[in-house]
Amino acid sequence: MDHVELFTDGACSGNPGPGGWGAILRSKGQERELSGSQKNTTNNQMEMMAVIAGLEALS
């Protein structure tokens, strides 16, 4: 199994409010960026979406 680093963040403007998330996967000198947004969400939802998307990208 290869070593993979996963960095995530999520935020929103207001809580709830419009928000976004991002994730970076790093392995063997390569990086993959993921991101998304929602019109009405919370900061916790965006934090979790970043982690979920990052883990899903591993499969």
PDB file of N, CA and C in Angstrom:
ATOM      1  N   MET A   1       0.841  -1.181   0.000  1.00  0.00           N
ATOM      2  CA  MET A   1       0.000   0.000   0.000  1.00  0.00           C
ATOM      3  C   MET A   1       0.888   1.246   0.000  1.00  0.00           C
ATOM      4  N   ASP A   2       0.564   2.189  -0.861  1.00  0.00           N
ATOM      5  CA  ASP A   2       1.319   3.436  -0.962  1.00  0.00           C
ATOM      6  C   ASP A   2       0.936   4.398   0.159  1.00  0.00           C
ATOM      7  N   HIS A   3       1.887   5.245   0.529  1.00  0.00           N
ATOM      8  CA  HIS A   3       1.646   6.294   1.521  1.00  0.00           C
ATOM      9  C   HIS A   3       0.966   7.474   0.829  1.00  0.00           C
ATOM     10  N   VAL A   4      -0.167   7.924   1.369  1.00  0.00           N
ATOM     11  CA  VAL A   4      -0.904   9.062   0.815  1.00  0.00           C
ATOM     12  C   VAL A   4      -1.169  10.055   1.935  1.00  0.00           C
ATOM     13  N   GLU A   5      -0.882  11.331   1.683  1.00  0.00           N
ATOM     14  CA  GLU A   5      -1.229  12.400   2.621  1.00  0.00           C
ATOM     15  C   GLU A   5      -2.503  13.062   2.118  1.00  0.00           C
ATOM     16  N   LEU A   6      -3.417  13.360   3.042  1.00  0.00           N
ATOM     17  CA  LEU A   6      -4.680  14.018   2.704  1.00  0.00           C
ATOM     18  C   LEU A   6      -4.821  15.265   3.570  1.00  0.00           C
ATOM     19  N   PHE A   7      -4.941  16.429   2.913  1.00  0.00           N
ATOM     20  CA  PHE A   7      -5.141  17.707   3.593  1.00  0.00           C
ATOM     21  C   PHE A   7      -6.527  18.214   3.221  1.00  0.00           C
ATOM     22  N   THR A   8      -7.308  18.653   4.205  1.00  0.00           N
ATOM     23  CA  THR A   8      -8.681  19.089   3.927  1.00  0.00           C
ATOM     24  C   THR A   8      -9.010  20.379   4.667  1.00  0.00           C
ATOM     25  N   ASP A   9     -10.002  21.095   4.131  1.00  0.00           N
ATOM     26  CA  ASP A   9     -10.539  22.262   4.816  1.00  0.00           C
ATOM     27  C   ASP A   9     -11.929  22.546   4.282  1.00  0.00           C
ATOM     28  N   GLY A  10     -12.750  23.134   5.120  1.00  0.00           N
ATOM     29  CA  GLY A  10     -14.086  23.548   4.726  1.00  0.00           C
ATOM     30  C   GLY A  10     -14.477  24.796   5.491  1.00  0.00           C
ATOM     31  N   ALA A  11     -15.315  25.618   4.885  1.00  0.00           N
ATOM     32  CA  ALA A  11     -15.730  26.866   5.528  1.00  0.00           C
ATOM     33  C   ALA A  11     -17.035  27.343   4.924  1.00  0.00           C
ATOM     34  N   CYS A  12     -17.665  28.297   5.604  1.00  0.00           N
ATOM     35  CA  CYS A  12     -18.849  28.939   5.029  1.00  0.00           C
ATOM     36  C   CYS A  12     -18.910  30.382   5.504  1.00  0.00           C
ATOM     37  N   SER A  13     -19.667  31.176   4.768  1.00  0.00           N
ATOM     38  CA  SER A  13     -19.850  32.588   5.088  1.00  0.00           C
ATOM     39  C   SER A  13     -21.192  32.725   5.775  1.00  0.00           C
ATOM     40  N   GLY A  14     -21.163  32.899   7.089  1.00  0.00           N
ATOM     41  CA  GLY A  14     -22.363  32.752   7.892  1.00  0.00           C
ATOM     42  C   GLY A  14     -22.471  31.280   8.254  1.00  0.00           C
ATOM     43  N   ASN A  15     -23.280  30.976   9.231  1.00  0.00           N
ATOM     44  CA  ASN A  15     -23.401  29.572   9.638  1.00  0.00           C
ATOM     45  C   ASN A  15     -24.828  29.308  10.102  1.00  0.00           C
ATOM     46  N   PRO A  16     -25.734  28.930   9.202  1.00  0.00           N
ATOM     47  CA  PRO A  16     -25.478  28.462   7.840  1.00  0.00           C
ATOM     48  C   PRO A  16     -25.324  29.606   6.838  1.00  0.00           C
ATOM     49  N   GLY A  17     -24.830  29.235   5.659  1.00  0.00           N
ATOM     50  CA  GLY A  17     -24.629  30.173   4.568  1.00  0.00           C
ATOM     51  C   GLY A  17     -23.931  29.474   3.421  1.00  0.00           C
ATOM     52  N   PRO A  18     -23.530  30.218   2.390  1.00  0.00           N
ATOM     53  CA  PRO A  18     -22.807  29.603   1.280  1.00  0.00           C
ATOM     54  C   PRO A  18     -21.429  29.129   1.753  1.00  0.00           C
ATOM     55  N   GLY A  19     -21.035  27.954   1.281  1.00  0.00           N
ATOM     56  CA  GLY A  19     -19.768  27.403   1.752  1.00  0.00           C
ATOM     57  C   GLY A  19     -19.037  26.610   0.696  1.00  0.00           C
ATOM     58  N   GLY A  20     -17.831  26.223   1.038  1.00  0.00           N
ATOM     59  CA  GLY A  20     -17.019  25.431   0.125  1.00  0.00           C
ATOM     60  C   GLY A  20     -16.048  24.556   0.882  1.00  0.00           C
ATOM     61  N   TRP A  21     -15.473  23.620   0.158  1.00  0.00           N
ATOM     62  CA  TRP A  21     -14.508  22.703   0.742  1.00  0.00           C
ATOM     63  C   TRP A  21     -13.400  22.420  -0.263  1.00  0.00           C
ATOM     64  N   GLY A  22     -12.270  21.991   0.245  1.00  0.00           N
ATOM     65  CA  GLY A  22     -11.160  21.615  -0.617  1.00  0.00           C
ATOM     66  C   GLY A  22     -10.368  20.485   0.009  1.00  0.00           C
ATOM     67  N   ALA A  23      -9.722  19.706  -0.845  1.00  0.00           N
ATOM     68  CA  ALA A  23      -8.876  18.607  -0.381  1.00  0.00           C
ATOM     69  C   ALA A  23      -7.691  18.462  -1.329  1.00  0.00           C
ATOM     70  N   ILE A  24      -6.559  18.117  -0.775  1.00  0.00           N
ATOM     71  CA  ILE A  24      -5.364  17.822  -1.567  1.00  0.00           C
ATOM     72  C   ILE A  24      -4.868  16.444  -1.156  1.00  0.00           C
ATOM     73  N   LEU A  25      -4.673  15.581  -2.143  1.00  0.00           N
ATOM     74  CA  LEU A  25      -4.064  14.274  -1.917  1.00  0.00           C
ATOM     75  C   LEU A  25      -2.655  14.321  -2.483  1.00  0.00           C
ATOM     76  N   ARG A  26      -1.684  13.850  -1.707  1.00  0.00           N
ATOM     77  CA  ARG A  26      -0.288  13.874  -2.140  1.00  0.00           C
ATOM     78  C   ARG A  26       0.310  12.477  -1.984  1.00  0.00           C
ATOM     79  N   SER A  27       0.903  11.974  -3.063  1.00  0.00           N
ATOM     80  CA  SER A  27       1.540  10.660  -3.036  1.00  0.00           C
ATOM     81  C   SER A  27       2.581  10.570  -4.147  1.00  0.00           C
ATOM     82  N   LYS A  28       3.745  10.035  -3.812  1.00  0.00           N
ATOM     83  CA  LYS A  28       4.817   9.814  -4.791  1.00  0.00           C
ATOM     84  C   LYS A  28       5.161  11.069  -5.592  1.00  0.00           C
ATOM     85  N   GLY A  29       5.166  12.229  -4.936  1.00  0.00           N
ATOM     86  CA  GLY A  29       5.526  13.467  -5.607  1.00  0.00           C
ATOM     87  C   GLY A  29       4.446  14.066  -6.482  1.00  0.00           C
ATOM     88  N   GLN A  30       3.260  13.482  -6.485  1.00  0.00           N
ATOM     89  CA  GLN A  30       2.149  14.016  -7.272  1.00  0.00           C
ATOM     90  C   GLN A  30       1.061  14.526  -6.336  1.00  0.00           C
ATOM     91  N   GLU A  31       0.305  15.510  -6.821  1.00  0.00           N
ATOM     92  CA  GLU A  31      -0.812  16.054  -6.050  1.00  0.00           C
ATOM     93  C   GLU A  31      -2.088  16.035  -6.880  1.00  0.00           C
ATOM     94  N   ARG A  32      -3.202  15.844  -6.181  1.00  0.00           N
ATOM     95  CA  ARG A  32      -4.519  15.933  -6.807  1.00  0.00           C
ATOM     96  C   ARG A  32      -5.364  16.867  -5.955  1.00  0.00           C
ATOM     97  N   GLU A  33      -5.994  17.856  -6.586  1.00  0.00           N
ATOM     98  CA  GLU A  33      -6.830  18.824  -5.878  1.00  0.00           C
ATOM     99  C   GLU A  33      -8.294  18.520  -6.137  1.00  0.00           C
ATOM    100  N   LEU A  34      -9.106  18.617  -5.084  1.00  0.00           N
ATOM    101  CA  LEU A  34     -10.549  18.431  -5.168  1.00  0.00           C
ATOM    102  C   LEU A  34     -11.214  19.623  -4.498  1.00  0.00           C
ATOM    103  N   SER A  35     -12.396  20.017  -4.981  1.00  0.00           N
ATOM    104  CA  SER A  35     -13.118  21.113  -4.331  1.00  0.00           C
ATOM    105  C   SER A  35     -14.594  21.041  -4.681  1.00  0.00           C
ATOM    106  N   GLY A  36     -15.390  21.734  -3.879  1.00  0.00           N
ATOM    107  CA  GLY A  36     -16.824  21.786  -4.130  1.00  0.00           C
ATOM    108  C   GLY A  36     -17.451  22.891  -3.307  1.00  0.00           C
ATOM    109  N   SER A  37     -18.742  23.113  -3.530  1.00  0.00           N
ATOM    110  CA  SER A  37     -19.447  24.168  -2.802  1.00  0.00           C
ATOM    111  C   SER A  37     -20.926  23.830  -2.686  1.00  0.00           C
ATOM    112  N   GLN A  38     -21.597  24.528  -1.780  1.00  0.00           N
ATOM    113  CA  GLN A  38     -23.044  24.435  -1.607  1.00  0.00           C
ATOM    114  C   GLN A  38     -23.572  25.826  -1.286  1.00  0.00           C
ATOM    115  N   LYS A  39     -24.804  26.082  -1.711  1.00  0.00           N
ATOM    116  CA  LYS A  39     -25.395  27.409  -1.507  1.00  0.00           C
ATOM    117  C   LYS A  39     -25.763  27.670  -0.050  1.00  0.00           C
ATOM    118  N   ASN A  40     -26.285  26.667   0.652  1.00  0.00           N
ATOM    119  CA  ASN A  40     -26.719  26.861   2.037  1.00  0.00           C
ATOM    120  C   ASN A  40     -26.245  25.672   2.859  1.00  0.00           C
ATOM    121  N   THR A  41     -25.241  25.903   3.700  1.00  0.00           N
ATOM    122  CA  THR A  41     -24.613  24.802   4.424  1.00  0.00           C
ATOM    123  C   THR A  41     -24.025  25.315   5.728  1.00  0.00           C
ATOM    124  N   THR A  42     -23.351  24.438   6.451  1.00  0.00           N
ATOM    125  CA  THR A  42     -22.648  24.833   7.672  1.00  0.00           C
ATOM    126  C   THR A  42     -21.163  24.533   7.517  1.00  0.00           C
ATOM    127  N   ASN A  43     -20.357  25.133   8.372  1.00  0.00           N
ATOM    128  CA  ASN A  43     -18.918  24.874   8.304  1.00  0.00           C
ATOM    129  C   ASN A  43     -18.614  23.404   8.592  1.00  0.00           C
ATOM    130  N   ASN A  44     -19.354  22.786   9.504  1.00  0.00           N
ATOM    131  CA  ASN A  44     -19.111  21.376   9.816  1.00  0.00           C
ATOM    132  C   ASN A  44     -19.422  20.478   8.628  1.00  0.00           C
ATOM    133  N   GLN A  45     -20.487  20.778   7.895  1.00  0.00           N
ATOM    134  CA  GLN A  45     -20.809  19.988   6.706  1.00  0.00           C
ATOM    135  C   GLN A  45     -19.703  20.106   5.661  1.00  0.00           C
ATOM    136  N   MET A  46     -19.166  21.289   5.486  1.00  0.00           N
ATOM    137  CA  MET A  46     -18.112  21.479   4.494  1.00  0.00           C
ATOM    138  C   MET A  46     -16.816  20.786   4.922  1.00  0.00           C
ATOM    139  N   GLU A  47     -16.493  20.823   6.209  1.00  0.00           N
ATOM    140  CA  GLU A  47     -15.316  20.102   6.706  1.00  0.00           C
ATOM    141  C   GLU A  47     -15.458  18.604   6.426  1.00  0.00           C
ATOM    142  N   MET A  48     -16.634  18.050   6.704  1.00  0.00           N
ATOM    143  CA  MET A  48     -16.860  16.617   6.486  1.00  0.00           C
ATOM    144  C   MET A  48     -16.875  16.265   5.003  1.00  0.00           C
ATOM    145  N   MET A  49     -17.436  17.130   4.169  1.00  0.00           N
ATOM    146  CA  MET A  49     -17.453  16.860   2.729  1.00  0.00           C
ATOM    147  C   MET A  49     -16.033  16.775   2.172  1.00  0.00           C
ATOM    148  N   ALA A  50     -15.140  17.610   2.678  1.00  0.00           N
ATOM    149  CA  ALA A  50     -13.749  17.577   2.225  1.00  0.00           C
ATOM    150  C   ALA A  50     -13.105  16.233   2.557  1.00  0.00           C
ATOM    151  N   VAL A  51     -13.322  15.755   3.771  1.00  0.00           N
ATOM    152  CA  VAL A  51     -12.752  14.468   4.183  1.00  0.00           C
ATOM    153  C   VAL A  51     -13.359  13.327   3.380  1.00  0.00           C
ATOM    154  N   ILE A  52     -14.684  13.328   3.229  1.00  0.00           N
ATOM    155  CA  ILE A  52     -15.369  12.267   2.483  1.00  0.00           C
ATOM    156  C   ILE A  52     -14.881  12.222   1.039  1.00  0.00           C
ATOM    157  N   ALA A  53     -14.808  13.378   0.391  1.00  0.00           N
ATOM    158  CA  ALA A  53     -14.357  13.418  -1.006  1.00  0.00           C
ATOM    159  C   ALA A  53     -12.915  12.926  -1.130  1.00  0.00           C
ATOM    160  N   GLY A  54     -12.073  13.307  -0.183  1.00  0.00           N
ATOM    161  CA  GLY A  54     -10.689  12.852  -0.214  1.00  0.00           C
ATOM    162  C   GLY A  54     -10.575  11.347  -0.062  1.00  0.00           C
ATOM    163  N   LEU A  55     -11.335  10.785   0.857  1.00  0.00           N
ATOM    164  CA  LEU A  55     -11.306   9.334   1.050  1.00  0.00           C
ATOM    165  C   LEU A  55     -11.906   8.598  -0.143  1.00  0.00           C
ATOM    166  N   GLU A  56     -12.972   9.138  -0.713  1.00  0.00           N
ATOM    167  CA  GLU A  56     -13.579   8.509  -1.895  1.00  0.00           C
ATOM    168  C   GLU A  56     -12.611   8.507  -3.077  1.00  0.00           C
ATOM    169  N   ALA A  57     -11.786   9.526  -3.170  1.00  0.00           N
ATOM    170  CA  ALA A  57     -10.832   9.609  -4.278  1.00  0.00           C
ATOM    171  C   ALA A  57      -9.763   8.516  -4.195  1.00  0.00           C
ATOM    172  N   LEU A  58      -9.607   7.914  -3.043  1.00  0.00           N
ATOM    173  CA  LEU A  58      -8.621   6.849  -2.878  1.00  0.00           C
ATOM    174  C   LEU A  58      -9.084   5.523  -3.471  1.00  0.00           C
ATOM    175  N   SER A  59     -10.391   5.366  -3.641  1.00  0.00           N
ATOM    176  CA  SER A  59     -10.897   4.074  -4.142  1.00  0.00           C
ATOM    177  C   SER A  59     -10.983   4.036  -5.651  1.00  0.00           C
TER     178      SER A  59
END
